[in-house]
Amino acid sequence: MFTAFVYLSAALAEIAGCFAFWSWYRLSGSVLWLVPGMLSLALFAWLLSLVDSDYAGRAYAAYGGVYIVSALLWLWLVEQRMPDRWDLLGAGICLAGAAVIMLGPRGA
């Protein structure tokens, strides 16, 4: 349960940080957008380091599925664009892959 909370929190921090840069660069926002963007990305990195995994690469790979679903939620809730069936199918495949990575039995 803790890992799911960390992954969701990390995804929110990463998306918010990246969106701050997007707002500055692509939407001609103020350069001040970069300050919360950098803080949010630092929070993202710290949160991801809290995941209970023996290897960073495995934790990051599994996080990818959560990030994709979170990005589609951002698309829907913040940018007011409904994900289409292909978005949802792709997200489901990614979540299944993340579950295999994190929950698959490991040999000794």
N, C-alpha and C. Protein backbone atom coordinates (compact mmCIF):
# COMPACT_ATOMS: atom_id res chain seq x y z
N MET A 1 0.83 -1.19 0.00
CA MET A 1 0.00 0.00 0.00
C MET A 1 0.87 1.26 0.00
N PHE A 2 1.96 1.21 0.79
CA PHE A 2 2.87 2.36 0.84
C PHE A 2 3.48 2.64 -0.53
N THR A 3 3.87 1.56 -1.23
CA THR A 3 4.49 1.74 -2.55
C THR A 3 3.51 2.40 -3.51
N ALA A 4 2.25 2.00 -3.49
CA ALA A 4 1.25 2.61 -4.37
C ALA A 4 1.11 4.09 -4.06
N PHE A 5 1.08 4.44 -2.77
CA PHE A 5 0.98 5.85 -2.38
C PHE A 5 2.20 6.63 -2.86
N VAL A 6 3.39 6.06 -2.70
CA VAL A 6 4.62 6.73 -3.13
C VAL A 6 4.61 6.91 -4.64
N TYR A 7 4.23 5.86 -5.38
CA TYR A 7 4.19 5.96 -6.84
C TYR A 7 3.20 7.03 -7.29
N LEU A 8 2.03 7.07 -6.70
CA LEU A 8 1.04 8.08 -7.09
C LEU A 8 1.51 9.49 -6.74
N SER A 9 2.12 9.63 -5.57
CA SER A 9 2.64 10.94 -5.16
C SER A 9 3.78 11.38 -6.07
N ALA A 10 4.67 10.44 -6.40
CA ALA A 10 5.78 10.74 -7.30
C ALA A 10 5.27 11.14 -8.68
N ALA A 11 4.25 10.45 -9.15
CA ALA A 11 3.69 10.78 -10.46
C ALA A 11 3.10 12.18 -10.47
N LEU A 12 2.38 12.52 -9.43
CA LEU A 12 1.81 13.87 -9.35
C LEU A 12 2.91 14.92 -9.32
N ALA A 13 3.97 14.67 -8.54
CA ALA A 13 5.07 15.62 -8.46
C ALA A 13 5.79 15.74 -9.81
N GLU A 14 6.01 14.61 -10.47
CA GLU A 14 6.70 14.66 -11.77
C GLU A 14 5.87 15.38 -12.82
N ILE A 15 4.59 15.04 -12.90
CA ILE A 15 3.73 15.66 -13.90
C ILE A 15 3.59 17.16 -13.63
N ALA A 16 3.41 17.53 -12.37
CA ALA A 16 3.30 18.96 -12.03
C ALA A 16 4.58 19.70 -12.38
N GLY A 17 5.73 19.08 -12.09
CA GLY A 17 7.00 19.72 -12.42
C GLY A 17 7.20 19.88 -13.91
N CYS A 18 6.88 18.83 -14.65
CA CYS A 18 7.01 18.91 -16.11
C CYS A 18 6.01 19.89 -16.70
N PHE A 19 4.81 19.93 -16.13
CA PHE A 19 3.81 20.87 -16.63
C PHE A 19 4.22 22.32 -16.37
N ALA A 20 4.94 22.56 -15.27
CA ALA A 20 5.44 23.91 -15.00
C ALA A 20 6.40 24.34 -16.11
N PHE A 21 7.28 23.44 -16.53
CA PHE A 21 8.18 23.76 -17.64
C PHE A 21 7.40 23.94 -18.94
N TRP A 22 6.40 23.09 -19.14
CA TRP A 22 5.54 23.20 -20.33
C TRP A 22 4.86 24.56 -20.34
N SER A 23 4.35 24.97 -19.19
CA SER A 23 3.65 26.26 -19.09
C SER A 23 4.58 27.42 -19.44
N TRP A 24 5.81 27.34 -18.96
CA TRP A 24 6.77 28.39 -19.24
C TRP A 24 7.17 28.40 -20.72
N TYR A 25 7.55 27.24 -21.23
CA TYR A 25 8.12 27.18 -22.57
C TYR A 25 7.08 27.15 -23.69
N ARG A 26 6.07 26.30 -23.54
CA ARG A 26 5.11 26.11 -24.62
C ARG A 26 3.92 27.05 -24.56
N LEU A 27 3.59 27.51 -23.34
CA LEU A 27 2.44 28.39 -23.19
C LEU A 27 2.84 29.84 -22.92
N SER A 28 4.13 30.12 -23.10
CA SER A 28 4.68 31.47 -22.90
C SER A 28 4.39 32.02 -21.52
N GLY A 29 4.47 31.15 -20.53
CA GLY A 29 4.25 31.58 -19.15
C GLY A 29 5.48 32.29 -18.59
N SER A 30 5.34 32.78 -17.40
CA SER A 30 6.42 33.46 -16.72
C SER A 30 7.57 32.50 -16.43
N VAL A 31 8.77 33.02 -16.44
CA VAL A 31 9.95 32.22 -16.09
C VAL A 31 9.85 31.74 -14.63
N LEU A 32 9.02 32.39 -13.84
CA LEU A 32 8.83 31.98 -12.44
C LEU A 32 8.20 30.60 -12.33
N TRP A 33 7.59 30.10 -13.40
CA TRP A 33 7.06 28.74 -13.41
C TRP A 33 8.17 27.72 -13.14
N LEU A 34 9.42 28.09 -13.47
CA LEU A 34 10.52 27.14 -13.31
C LEU A 34 10.83 26.83 -11.85
N VAL A 35 10.56 27.76 -10.95
CA VAL A 35 10.87 27.53 -9.54
C VAL A 35 10.02 26.40 -8.96
N PRO A 36 8.70 26.48 -9.01
CA PRO A 36 7.93 25.34 -8.50
C PRO A 36 8.15 24.08 -9.33
N GLY A 37 8.45 24.25 -10.61
CA GLY A 37 8.73 23.09 -11.45
C GLY A 37 9.95 22.32 -10.96
N MET A 38 11.02 23.03 -10.66
CA MET A 38 12.24 22.36 -10.18
C MET A 38 12.03 21.75 -8.80
N LEU A 39 11.32 22.45 -7.94
CA LEU A 39 11.04 21.90 -6.61
C LEU A 39 10.18 20.64 -6.71
N SER A 40 9.22 20.66 -7.58
CA SER A 40 8.35 19.51 -7.76
C SER A 40 9.13 18.31 -8.32
N LEU A 41 10.04 18.57 -9.25
CA LEU A 41 10.85 17.48 -9.80
C LEU A 41 11.82 16.92 -8.77
N ALA A 42 12.33 17.77 -7.89
CA ALA A 42 13.19 17.28 -6.80
C ALA A 42 12.37 16.41 -5.84
N LEU A 43 11.15 16.83 -5.55
CA LEU A 43 10.26 16.03 -4.70
C LEU A 43 9.99 14.68 -5.34
N PHE A 44 9.76 14.68 -6.65
CA PHE A 44 9.54 13.44 -7.38
C PHE A 44 10.71 12.48 -7.19
N ALA A 45 11.93 12.96 -7.38
CA ALA A 45 13.11 12.09 -7.26
C ALA A 45 13.23 11.53 -5.85
N TRP A 46 12.99 12.37 -4.86
CA TRP A 46 13.08 11.91 -3.46
C TRP A 46 12.01 10.85 -3.18
N LEU A 47 10.78 11.11 -3.62
CA LEU A 47 9.69 10.15 -3.38
C LEU A 47 10.01 8.79 -4.01
N LEU A 48 10.52 8.81 -5.23
CA LEU A 48 10.80 7.54 -5.90
C LEU A 48 11.88 6.75 -5.17
N SER A 49 12.76 7.44 -4.46
CA SER A 49 13.80 6.73 -3.71
C SER A 49 13.23 6.01 -2.48
N LEU A 50 12.00 6.28 -2.10
CA LEU A 50 11.38 5.64 -0.95
C LEU A 50 10.76 4.28 -1.26
N VAL A 51 10.67 3.93 -2.54
CA VAL A 51 10.04 2.66 -2.94
C VAL A 51 10.86 1.49 -2.41
N ASP A 52 10.16 0.52 -1.85
CA ASP A 52 10.80 -0.67 -1.31
C ASP A 52 11.11 -1.64 -2.45
N SER A 53 12.33 -1.54 -2.97
CA SER A 53 12.78 -2.40 -4.05
C SER A 53 14.28 -2.62 -3.88
N ASP A 54 14.73 -3.81 -4.23
CA ASP A 54 16.16 -4.09 -4.11
C ASP A 54 16.99 -3.36 -5.16
N TYR A 55 16.36 -2.99 -6.26
CA TYR A 55 17.09 -2.36 -7.36
C TYR A 55 16.33 -1.14 -7.87
N ALA A 56 17.06 -0.06 -8.06
CA ALA A 56 16.45 1.18 -8.53
C ALA A 56 15.80 0.99 -9.90
N GLY A 57 16.48 0.32 -10.80
CA GLY A 57 15.95 0.13 -12.15
C GLY A 57 14.60 -0.56 -12.17
N ARG A 58 14.43 -1.53 -11.30
CA ARG A 58 13.15 -2.24 -11.22
C ARG A 58 12.06 -1.32 -10.67
N ALA A 59 12.39 -0.54 -9.67
CA ALA A 59 11.42 0.40 -9.11
C ALA A 59 11.02 1.44 -10.16
N TYR A 60 12.00 1.93 -10.92
CA TYR A 60 11.71 2.94 -11.94
C TYR A 60 10.88 2.35 -13.08
N ALA A 61 11.18 1.12 -13.47
CA ALA A 61 10.44 0.48 -14.55
C ALA A 61 8.97 0.28 -14.17
N ALA A 62 8.74 -0.20 -12.96
CA ALA A 62 7.37 -0.39 -12.51
C ALA A 62 6.65 0.95 -12.37
N TYR A 63 7.37 1.98 -11.95
CA TYR A 63 6.78 3.31 -11.83
C TYR A 63 6.24 3.81 -13.17
N GLY A 64 6.88 3.40 -14.25
CA GLY A 64 6.47 3.87 -15.57
C GLY A 64 4.99 3.64 -15.85
N GLY A 65 4.47 2.49 -15.45
CA GLY A 65 3.05 2.20 -15.67
C GLY A 65 2.15 3.14 -14.88
N VAL A 66 2.53 3.41 -13.65
CA VAL A 66 1.76 4.33 -12.80
C VAL A 66 1.82 5.74 -13.39
N TYR A 67 3.00 6.13 -13.87
CA TYR A 67 3.15 7.46 -14.47
C TYR A 67 2.22 7.62 -15.67
N ILE A 68 2.15 6.62 -16.51
CA ILE A 68 1.32 6.71 -17.71
C ILE A 68 -0.15 6.91 -17.35
N VAL A 69 -0.64 6.13 -16.39
CA VAL A 69 -2.03 6.28 -15.95
C VAL A 69 -2.24 7.67 -15.34
N SER A 70 -1.29 8.12 -14.53
CA SER A 70 -1.39 9.44 -13.91
C SER A 70 -1.38 10.55 -14.95
N ALA A 71 -0.57 10.40 -15.99
CA ALA A 71 -0.52 11.41 -17.05
C ALA A 71 -1.86 11.49 -17.77
N LEU A 72 -2.51 10.35 -17.96
CA LEU A 72 -3.83 10.37 -18.61
C LEU A 72 -4.88 10.98 -17.70
N LEU A 73 -4.76 10.76 -16.40
CA LEU A 73 -5.66 11.43 -15.46
C LEU A 73 -5.44 12.94 -15.50
N TRP A 74 -4.19 13.37 -15.59
CA TRP A 74 -3.87 14.80 -15.72
C TRP A 74 -4.51 15.36 -16.99
N LEU A 75 -4.37 14.61 -18.10
CA LEU A 75 -4.97 15.03 -19.37
C LEU A 75 -6.46 15.28 -19.19
N TRP A 76 -7.12 14.38 -18.47
CA TRP A 76 -8.56 14.46 -18.29
C TRP A 76 -8.97 15.54 -17.30
N LEU A 77 -8.34 15.55 -16.12
CA LEU A 77 -8.78 16.44 -15.04
C LEU A 77 -8.24 17.86 -15.15
N VAL A 78 -7.01 18.02 -15.58
CA VAL A 78 -6.39 19.35 -15.63
C VAL A 78 -6.54 19.98 -17.01
N GLU A 79 -6.25 19.20 -18.05
CA GLU A 79 -6.30 19.76 -19.39
C GLU A 79 -7.67 19.60 -20.06
N GLN A 80 -8.60 18.96 -19.33
CA GLN A 80 -9.98 18.84 -19.79
C GLN A 80 -10.11 18.14 -21.14
N ARG A 81 -9.26 17.13 -21.37
CA ARG A 81 -9.33 16.32 -22.60
C ARG A 81 -9.53 14.87 -22.18
N MET A 82 -10.59 14.26 -22.62
CA MET A 82 -10.92 12.88 -22.27
C MET A 82 -9.98 11.91 -22.99
N PRO A 83 -9.32 11.02 -22.25
CA PRO A 83 -8.52 9.99 -22.91
C PRO A 83 -9.42 9.12 -23.79
N ASP A 84 -8.90 8.70 -24.94
CA ASP A 84 -9.71 7.84 -25.81
C ASP A 84 -9.44 6.37 -25.49
N ARG A 85 -10.10 5.50 -26.21
CA ARG A 85 -9.99 4.07 -25.90
C ARG A 85 -8.58 3.56 -26.08
N TRP A 86 -7.81 4.15 -27.00
CA TRP A 86 -6.44 3.71 -27.22
C TRP A 86 -5.54 4.14 -26.06
N ASP A 87 -5.81 5.33 -25.53
CA ASP A 87 -5.09 5.77 -24.33
C ASP A 87 -5.33 4.78 -23.18
N LEU A 88 -6.60 4.43 -23.00
CA LEU A 88 -6.98 3.55 -21.89
C LEU A 88 -6.43 2.13 -22.08
N LEU A 89 -6.48 1.63 -23.30
CA LEU A 89 -5.92 0.31 -23.57
C LEU A 89 -4.41 0.30 -23.31
N GLY A 90 -3.73 1.30 -23.80
CA GLY A 90 -2.28 1.39 -23.58
C GLY A 90 -1.94 1.49 -22.11
N ALA A 91 -2.70 2.28 -21.37
CA ALA A 91 -2.46 2.42 -19.93
C ALA A 91 -2.68 1.10 -19.21
N GLY A 92 -3.72 0.35 -19.60
CA GLY A 92 -3.96 -0.95 -18.99
C GLY A 92 -2.82 -1.92 -19.24
N ILE A 93 -2.31 -1.92 -20.46
CA ILE A 93 -1.17 -2.79 -20.79
C ILE A 93 0.05 -2.39 -19.95
N CYS A 94 0.27 -1.10 -19.82
CA CYS A 94 1.42 -0.63 -19.03
C CYS A 94 1.29 -0.99 -17.56
N LEU A 95 0.09 -0.86 -17.01
CA LEU A 95 -0.12 -1.24 -15.61
C LEU A 95 0.09 -2.74 -15.40
N ALA A 96 -0.36 -3.53 -16.36
CA ALA A 96 -0.13 -4.97 -16.27
C ALA A 96 1.37 -5.27 -16.29
N GLY A 97 2.10 -4.58 -17.14
CA GLY A 97 3.54 -4.76 -17.18
C GLY A 97 4.21 -4.34 -15.89
N ALA A 98 3.77 -3.23 -15.32
CA ALA A 98 4.32 -2.77 -14.04
C ALA A 98 4.07 -3.79 -12.94
N ALA A 99 2.89 -4.40 -12.94
CA ALA A 99 2.56 -5.41 -11.93
C ALA A 99 3.46 -6.64 -12.08
N VAL A 100 3.71 -7.04 -13.30
CA VAL A 100 4.61 -8.18 -13.54
C VAL A 100 6.01 -7.87 -13.03
N ILE A 101 6.48 -6.67 -13.29
CA ILE A 101 7.82 -6.28 -12.85
C ILE A 101 7.92 -6.28 -11.33
N MET A 102 6.95 -5.68 -10.67
CA MET A 102 7.04 -5.54 -9.20
C MET A 102 6.65 -6.81 -8.45
N LEU A 103 5.72 -7.56 -8.97
CA LEU A 103 5.16 -8.68 -8.22
C LEU A 103 5.61 -10.06 -8.68
N GLY A 104 6.34 -10.10 -9.80
CA GLY A 104 6.77 -11.39 -10.31
C GLY A 104 7.72 -12.10 -9.36
N PRO A 105 7.62 -13.43 -9.31
CA PRO A 105 8.52 -14.18 -8.41
C PRO A 105 9.97 -14.06 -8.89
N ARG A 106 10.85 -13.91 -7.97
CA ARG A 106 12.28 -13.76 -8.28
C ARG A 106 13.02 -15.00 -7.81
N GLY A 107 13.90 -15.50 -8.65
CA GLY A 107 14.73 -16.63 -8.28
C GLY A 107 15.85 -16.20 -7.36
N ALA A 108 16.41 -17.12 -6.66
CA ALA A 108 17.50 -16.80 -5.72
C ALA A 108 18.79 -16.56 -6.42
